[in-house]
């Protein structure tokens, strides 16, 4: 097991990474302050890991709620199922919510914990690669709206994150590739050495070699923990973690939630950001080719859906959390390992990226 810490003063918390951690009750129980727990999971994960987790919590009062699986269910309506379970089973302010599942489960559980009785504890037990390397760390929680992704939510940090890498054994190949998009993101924004390691090891990751997976997860979590510690509420440098997300969220919303996996949309979004950066003269042709090649080798799409018009893209991108004073800001690249958040770009480069979908 490897452990690192998200440094947030008195709200700091550990991230435990290793094989078989679901069978280590001390990792969870040491972070639970009360006697009641609500485990939130979904219809896919519950048959695989719910009983095992509940056994780990055998000396506590444990209730469960099983949500439908899919991005299309990340809504306020489905969120109410969690609140109903908490109220029906009379959970008080000392309760702890545990998210067992991927990013949708984690985001919804964290948001419910932030809201229930104005804030209760929660713990992340992510079971997808994307959740393990990104959404479970940093305290971003929320739900989608038909007009925009993740526009309703709160910052609410977990008490701990327990990453059992053996849960990836049951993850479909498509979901694994989706998680690799967020792994690649860390190399692109500020960790060029990690990017080179990924170029050398992407096939090992797709083949699920345990040592390679643990290294990639640990490095990703360490990179994100460092950024979150410096800018918890995304007032500055944390926005760099959104590389590819403005394009990607537009794809997810425009195509209908669930049609594209989040990681697939982000992977394509990162390629679009790289292509736009190259058009601006900020990114070399060689670095653009390296970026496209690695994302494609990860099993991800590199071109957006052809039926999403440039006008529709711009309409959807206008509903983005990085829009300031009506001005769209994007995360772009000035090299592999060097990202910037800027609204200072030639609009023609954006229109060309959306219209042609191809690099210059």
Protein backbone atom coordinates (compact mmCIF):
# COMPACT_ATOMS: atom_id res chain seq x y z
CA UNK A 1 0.00 0.00 0.00
CA UNK A 2 1.11 3.54 -0.78
CA UNK A 3 -0.30 6.56 1.04
CA UNK A 4 -0.12 10.24 0.23
CA UNK A 5 -1.85 13.24 1.78
CA UNK A 6 -3.92 16.09 0.42
CA UNK A 7 -2.56 18.96 2.51
CA UNK A 8 -5.46 21.20 3.54
CA UNK A 9 -4.60 22.04 7.14
CA UNK A 10 -7.07 20.57 9.61
CA UNK A 11 -9.07 19.16 6.67
CA UNK A 12 -6.12 17.20 5.27
CA UNK A 13 -6.85 13.60 4.36
CA UNK A 14 -5.02 10.49 3.18
CA UNK A 15 -5.24 8.70 -0.16
CA UNK A 16 -4.47 4.99 0.22
CA UNK A 17 -3.54 3.09 -2.95
CA UNK A 18 -2.97 -0.65 -3.22
CA UNK A 19 -4.36 -4.09 -3.93
CA UNK A 20 -7.06 -5.61 -1.71
CA UNK A 21 -7.68 -2.48 0.38
CA UNK A 22 -11.42 -3.22 0.62
CA UNK A 23 -10.42 -5.92 3.09
CA UNK A 24 -8.63 -3.47 5.43
CA UNK A 25 -11.30 -2.13 7.80
CA UNK A 26 -8.87 0.11 9.69
CA UNK A 27 -8.45 2.36 6.64
CA UNK A 28 -12.14 3.27 6.73
CA UNK A 29 -13.06 2.93 10.37
CA UNK A 30 -10.23 5.19 11.47
CA UNK A 31 -11.84 8.04 9.49
CA UNK A 32 -15.48 7.45 10.56
CA UNK A 33 -16.38 9.63 13.54
CA UNK A 34 -19.90 8.36 14.24
CA UNK A 35 -21.68 5.00 14.42
CA UNK A 36 -23.87 5.23 11.31
CA UNK A 37 -22.90 4.90 7.66
CA UNK A 38 -24.78 5.13 4.37
CA UNK A 39 -23.02 3.41 1.47
CA UNK A 40 -24.04 4.81 -1.92
CA UNK A 41 -23.31 2.70 -4.98
CA UNK A 42 -24.95 1.78 -8.30
CA UNK A 43 -26.53 -1.20 -10.00
CA UNK A 44 -23.28 -2.23 -11.70
CA UNK A 45 -20.93 -1.99 -8.71
CA UNK A 46 -23.31 -3.27 -6.02
CA UNK A 47 -23.25 -6.96 -7.09
CA UNK A 48 -19.46 -6.86 -7.29
CA UNK A 49 -18.28 -5.05 -4.16
CA UNK A 50 -21.12 -3.87 -1.91
CA UNK A 51 -21.30 -6.95 0.35
CA UNK A 52 -17.53 -6.95 0.71
CA UNK A 53 -17.49 -3.32 1.83
CA UNK A 54 -20.40 -3.82 4.23
CA UNK A 55 -18.55 -6.74 5.86
CA UNK A 56 -15.60 -4.43 6.42
CA UNK A 57 -17.91 -2.11 8.38
CA UNK A 58 -19.45 -4.92 10.45
CA UNK A 59 -19.38 -3.12 13.81
CA UNK A 60 -21.27 -0.05 12.54
CA UNK A 61 -24.88 0.57 11.56
CA UNK A 62 -24.66 0.37 7.78
CA UNK A 63 -27.46 1.32 5.40
CA UNK A 64 -27.20 1.25 1.63
CA UNK A 65 -28.72 2.91 -1.41
CA UNK A 66 -28.22 1.66 -4.96
CA UNK A 67 -28.56 4.23 -7.75
CA UNK A 68 -29.07 3.55 -11.45
CA UNK A 69 -25.79 3.47 -13.38
CA UNK A 70 -24.93 6.11 -15.96
CA UNK A 71 -24.09 9.76 -16.51
CA UNK A 72 -27.69 10.39 -17.53
CA UNK A 73 -28.74 9.71 -13.92
CA UNK A 74 -26.44 12.34 -12.42
CA UNK A 75 -29.39 14.61 -11.70
CA UNK A 76 -31.11 16.39 -8.84
CA UNK A 77 -34.02 13.97 -9.22
CA UNK A 78 -31.86 10.89 -8.59
CA UNK A 79 -29.89 12.74 -5.89
CA UNK A 80 -33.12 12.81 -3.90
CA UNK A 81 -32.87 9.02 -3.51
CA UNK A 82 -29.85 9.57 -1.25
CA UNK A 83 -31.62 12.19 0.85
CA UNK A 84 -34.68 9.96 1.17
CA UNK A 85 -32.54 7.06 2.40
CA UNK A 86 -30.83 9.28 4.98
CA UNK A 87 -34.13 10.67 6.28
CA UNK A 88 -36.07 7.40 6.24
CA UNK A 89 -33.32 5.69 8.23
CA UNK A 90 -32.91 8.68 10.56
CA UNK A 91 -29.28 9.47 9.99
CA UNK A 92 -28.11 12.41 12.07
CA UNK A 93 -25.26 14.91 11.69
CA UNK A 94 -22.77 12.31 12.92
CA UNK A 95 -23.32 10.01 9.95
CA UNK A 96 -20.78 9.26 7.21
CA UNK A 97 -21.61 8.67 3.56
CA UNK A 98 -19.36 6.31 1.59
CA UNK A 99 -19.22 6.52 -2.20
CA UNK A 100 -18.55 3.10 -3.72
CA UNK A 101 -18.32 3.43 -7.48
CA UNK A 102 -17.13 5.68 -10.27
CA UNK A 103 -17.19 9.41 -10.77
CA UNK A 104 -20.97 9.76 -10.95
CA UNK A 105 -21.46 7.98 -7.62
CA UNK A 106 -18.62 9.93 -6.03
CA UNK A 107 -19.83 13.32 -7.23
CA UNK A 108 -23.43 12.68 -6.16
CA UNK A 109 -22.51 11.21 -2.79
CA UNK A 110 -20.19 14.09 -2.03
CA UNK A 111 -22.85 16.63 -3.00
CA UNK A 112 -25.43 14.88 -0.84
CA UNK A 113 -22.96 14.92 2.06
CA UNK A 114 -22.32 18.63 1.54
CA UNK A 115 -26.06 19.37 1.67
CA UNK A 116 -27.47 16.92 4.23
CA UNK A 117 -28.05 18.77 7.50
CA UNK A 118 -25.69 21.42 6.04
CA UNK A 119 -22.75 19.09 5.83
CA UNK A 120 -21.77 15.60 7.00
CA UNK A 121 -18.67 13.46 6.45
CA UNK A 122 -18.07 11.31 3.41
CA UNK A 123 -15.45 8.89 2.16
CA UNK A 124 -14.48 8.00 -1.40
CA UNK A 125 -13.97 4.36 -2.43
CA UNK A 126 -13.55 4.77 -6.21
CA UNK A 127 -13.83 1.68 -8.42
CA UNK A 128 -13.04 3.14 -11.87
CA UNK A 129 -9.68 4.41 -13.06
CA UNK A 130 -11.13 7.82 -13.87
CA UNK A 131 -12.51 8.20 -10.35
CA UNK A 132 -9.31 6.88 -8.77
CA UNK A 133 -7.04 9.38 -10.51
CA UNK A 134 -9.32 12.40 -10.67
CA UNK A 135 -12.86 12.82 -9.40
CA UNK A 136 -12.37 11.17 -5.98
CA UNK A 137 -9.61 13.64 -5.05
CA UNK A 138 -10.10 17.33 -4.43
CA UNK A 139 -13.63 17.76 -3.12
CA UNK A 140 -15.50 18.75 -6.27
CA UNK A 141 -19.04 17.40 -6.04
CA UNK A 142 -22.22 17.99 -7.98
CA UNK A 143 -24.78 16.98 -10.57
CA UNK A 144 -25.52 17.79 -14.20
CA UNK A 145 -28.22 19.99 -15.68
CA UNK A 146 -29.64 19.58 -19.20
CA UNK A 147 -28.02 22.91 -20.10
CA UNK A 148 -24.58 22.22 -18.63
CA UNK A 149 -22.42 19.58 -16.98
CA UNK A 150 -21.48 19.88 -13.29
CA UNK A 151 -23.02 23.33 -13.01
CA UNK A 152 -24.77 22.54 -9.70
CA UNK A 153 -22.51 21.44 -6.86
CA UNK A 154 -20.26 22.27 -3.94
CA UNK A 155 -16.70 21.92 -2.72
CA UNK A 156 -16.74 19.29 0.02
CA UNK A 157 -13.58 17.35 0.86
CA UNK A 158 -13.73 13.65 1.76
CA UNK A 159 -12.36 12.28 5.01
CA UNK A 160 -10.20 9.84 3.05
CA UNK A 161 -9.87 8.10 -0.30
CA UNK A 162 -9.35 4.33 -0.42
CA UNK A 163 -8.24 3.07 -3.84
CA UNK A 164 -8.35 -0.72 -4.19
CA UNK A 165 -6.73 -1.31 -7.57
CA UNK A 166 -8.15 -4.84 -7.82
CA UNK A 167 -11.54 -3.26 -8.57
CA UNK A 168 -10.11 -2.40 -11.98
CA UNK A 169 -10.12 -6.12 -12.83
CA UNK A 170 -13.87 -5.88 -13.51
CA UNK A 171 -13.71 -2.55 -15.36
CA UNK A 172 -14.65 -2.74 -19.08
CA UNK A 173 -11.88 -1.83 -21.52
CA UNK A 174 -13.76 1.25 -22.68
CA UNK A 175 -14.00 2.55 -19.11
CA UNK A 176 -10.30 1.88 -18.52
CA UNK A 177 -9.39 3.91 -21.59
CA UNK A 178 -11.68 6.71 -20.39
CA UNK A 179 -9.70 6.83 -17.15
CA UNK A 180 -6.42 7.04 -19.05
CA UNK A 181 -7.54 10.39 -20.48
CA UNK A 182 -7.33 11.95 -17.03
CA UNK A 183 -3.97 10.25 -16.39
CA UNK A 184 -2.54 11.72 -19.61
CA UNK A 185 -3.88 15.12 -18.60
CA UNK A 186 -1.45 15.36 -15.67
CA UNK A 187 1.50 14.80 -17.98
CA UNK A 188 0.28 17.46 -20.38
CA UNK A 189 -0.40 20.22 -17.87
CA UNK A 190 2.75 20.19 -15.73
CA UNK A 191 4.49 16.80 -15.53
CA UNK A 192 6.45 16.20 -18.75
CA UNK A 193 8.49 13.37 -17.20
CA UNK A 194 5.26 11.52 -16.46
CA UNK A 195 4.13 12.10 -20.05
CA UNK A 196 7.31 10.40 -21.30
CA UNK A 197 6.69 7.51 -18.87
CA UNK A 198 3.17 7.17 -20.28
CA UNK A 199 4.51 7.08 -23.82
CA UNK A 200 6.71 4.17 -22.76
CA UNK A 201 4.09 2.34 -20.70
CA UNK A 202 0.62 3.02 -22.14
CA UNK A 203 0.26 -0.57 -23.38
CA UNK A 204 1.15 -1.93 -19.93
CA UNK A 205 -1.62 0.20 -18.47
CA UNK A 206 -4.15 -1.02 -21.03
CA UNK A 207 -3.09 -4.58 -20.19
CA UNK A 208 -3.72 -3.76 -16.48
CA UNK A 209 -0.26 -4.63 -15.19
CA UNK A 210 -0.61 -4.01 -11.43
CA UNK A 211 2.72 -2.27 -10.87
CA UNK A 212 2.17 0.06 -13.82
CA UNK A 213 -1.37 0.89 -12.69
CA UNK A 214 -0.31 1.62 -9.12
CA UNK A 215 2.50 3.88 -10.34
CA UNK A 216 0.18 5.79 -12.70
CA UNK A 217 -2.53 6.18 -10.05
CA UNK A 218 -0.07 7.31 -7.38
CA UNK A 219 1.62 9.82 -9.71
CA UNK A 220 -1.74 11.19 -10.87
CA UNK A 221 -3.07 11.55 -7.33
CA UNK A 222 0.17 13.19 -6.19
CA UNK A 223 -0.02 15.70 -9.04
CA UNK A 224 -3.65 16.50 -8.28
CA UNK A 225 -3.12 16.67 -4.51
CA UNK A 226 -0.37 19.24 -5.02
CA UNK A 227 -2.60 21.42 -7.19
CA UNK A 228 -5.59 21.13 -4.84
CA UNK A 229 -3.45 22.02 -1.80
CA UNK A 230 -2.34 25.20 -3.57
CA UNK A 231 -5.79 26.21 -4.89
CA UNK A 232 -8.63 24.30 -3.27
CA UNK A 233 -11.53 26.27 -4.76
CA UNK A 234 -10.17 26.81 -8.26
CA UNK A 235 -9.49 30.52 -8.04
CA UNK A 236 -6.22 30.13 -9.92
CA UNK A 237 -3.91 27.26 -10.86
CA UNK A 238 -6.45 24.49 -10.21
CA UNK A 239 -8.28 25.53 -13.37
CA UNK A 240 -5.40 23.94 -15.32
CA UNK A 241 -6.88 20.56 -14.35
CA UNK A 242 -9.69 21.37 -16.77
CA UNK A 243 -7.50 20.85 -19.84
CA UNK A 244 -9.82 19.49 -22.54
CA UNK A 245 -12.88 19.78 -20.32
CA UNK A 246 -14.53 22.84 -21.91
CA UNK A 247 -14.51 21.08 -25.29
CA UNK A 248 -15.29 17.75 -23.65
CA UNK A 249 -18.23 18.97 -21.58
CA UNK A 250 -19.72 20.48 -24.74
CA UNK A 251 -19.47 17.08 -26.42
CA UNK A 252 -21.09 15.31 -23.45
CA UNK A 253 -23.95 17.80 -23.19
CA UNK A 254 -24.47 18.12 -26.93
CA UNK A 255 -24.53 14.39 -27.60
CA UNK A 256 -26.64 13.58 -24.52
CA UNK A 257 -25.19 12.46 -21.20
CA UNK A 258 -23.91 8.92 -21.43
CA UNK A 259 -23.47 8.76 -25.21
CA UNK A 260 -19.79 9.61 -24.79
CA UNK A 261 -17.98 8.63 -21.62
CA UNK A 262 -16.51 11.57 -19.74
CA UNK A 263 -12.95 10.40 -20.38
CA UNK A 264 -13.63 9.93 -24.09
CA UNK A 265 -14.92 13.49 -24.36
CA UNK A 266 -11.98 14.83 -22.35
CA UNK A 267 -9.49 12.89 -24.47
CA UNK A 268 -10.94 14.44 -27.63
CA UNK A 269 -11.12 17.80 -25.87
CA UNK A 270 -7.41 17.66 -25.06
CA UNK A 271 -6.63 16.95 -28.72
CA UNK A 272 -8.80 19.91 -29.73
CA UNK A 273 -7.00 22.13 -27.21
CA UNK A 274 -3.66 20.93 -28.59
CA UNK A 275 -4.75 21.58 -32.18
CA UNK A 276 -5.91 25.07 -31.28
CA UNK A 277 -2.65 25.71 -29.45
CA UNK A 278 -0.74 24.64 -32.56
CA UNK A 279 -2.84 27.01 -34.71
CA UNK A 280 -1.90 29.83 -32.36
CA UNK A 281 1.77 28.94 -32.76
CA UNK A 282 2.07 27.98 -29.10
CA UNK A 283 2.58 24.24 -29.51
CA UNK A 284 5.08 22.63 -31.86
CA UNK A 285 3.99 20.21 -34.53
CA UNK A 286 6.03 17.49 -32.84
CA UNK A 287 4.33 17.99 -29.47
CA UNK A 288 0.93 18.03 -31.16
CA UNK A 289 1.69 14.71 -32.86
CA UNK A 290 2.93 13.20 -29.56
CA UNK A 291 -0.27 14.31 -27.83
CA UNK A 292 -2.56 12.94 -30.53
CA UNK A 293 -0.61 9.69 -30.75
CA UNK A 294 -0.64 8.99 -27.01
CA UNK A 295 -4.36 9.69 -26.66
CA UNK A 296 -5.10 7.45 -29.64
CA UNK A 297 -2.85 4.68 -28.22
CA UNK A 298 -4.87 4.91 -25.00
CA UNK A 299 -7.90 3.75 -26.99
CA UNK A 300 -9.60 7.14 -27.07
CA UNK A 301 -11.22 9.11 -29.90
CA UNK A 302 -9.27 12.09 -31.19
CA UNK A 303 -11.96 13.76 -33.32
CA UNK A 304 -15.23 15.24 -32.04
CA UNK A 305 -18.59 14.01 -33.34
CA UNK A 306 -19.11 15.39 -36.87
CA UNK A 307 -22.77 16.15 -36.24
CA UNK A 308 -21.93 18.67 -33.49
CA UNK A 309 -21.77 21.93 -35.44
CA UNK A 310 -19.35 24.77 -34.60
CA UNK A 311 -22.31 26.96 -33.66
CA UNK A 312 -23.67 24.37 -31.27
CA UNK A 313 -20.18 23.86 -29.83
CA UNK A 314 -19.87 27.59 -29.08
CA UNK A 315 -23.34 27.69 -27.58
CA UNK A 316 -22.50 24.86 -25.20
CA UNK A 317 -19.02 26.16 -24.37
CA UNK A 318 -20.56 29.47 -23.30
CA UNK A 319 -22.07 27.59 -20.34
CA UNK A 320 -18.76 26.83 -18.65
CA UNK A 321 -17.48 27.56 -15.16
CA UNK A 322 -14.36 29.25 -16.59
CA UNK A 323 -16.42 31.90 -18.41
CA UNK A 324 -15.66 35.24 -16.73
CA UNK A 325 -17.49 38.51 -17.49
CA UNK A 326 -18.99 36.85 -20.55
CA UNK A 327 -15.58 35.89 -21.93
CA UNK A 328 -14.68 32.29 -22.67
CA UNK A 329 -11.40 31.13 -21.15
CA UNK A 330 -9.68 27.94 -22.23
CA UNK A 331 -6.88 25.76 -20.95
CA UNK A 332 -4.33 25.63 -23.76
CA UNK A 333 -0.79 24.28 -24.18
CA UNK A 334 2.53 26.02 -24.72
CA UNK A 335 4.37 22.72 -24.69
CA UNK A 336 4.02 19.27 -23.16
CA UNK A 337 4.02 19.98 -19.44
CA UNK A 338 3.14 23.67 -19.83
CA UNK A 339 -0.52 24.66 -19.74
CA UNK A 340 -2.14 28.08 -19.37
CA UNK A 341 -5.65 29.36 -18.67
CA UNK A 342 -6.39 32.22 -21.00
CA UNK A 343 -9.10 34.21 -22.70
CA UNK A 344 -6.49 35.98 -24.77
CA UNK A 345 -6.56 34.06 -28.02
CA UNK A 346 -7.48 34.69 -31.63
CA UNK A 347 -11.14 33.67 -32.04
CA UNK A 348 -10.32 32.55 -35.58
CA UNK A 349 -8.17 29.75 -34.15
CA UNK A 350 -11.10 28.52 -32.07
CA UNK A 351 -13.49 28.68 -35.03
CA UNK A 352 -11.01 26.82 -37.22
CA UNK A 353 -10.62 24.11 -34.58
CA UNK A 354 -14.38 23.69 -34.28
CA UNK A 355 -14.99 23.85 -38.03
CA UNK A 356 -12.22 21.66 -39.39
CA UNK A 357 -11.76 19.26 -36.46
CA UNK A 358 -8.26 18.66 -37.82
CA UNK A 359 -4.82 20.05 -37.09
CA UNK A 360 -3.20 22.51 -39.45
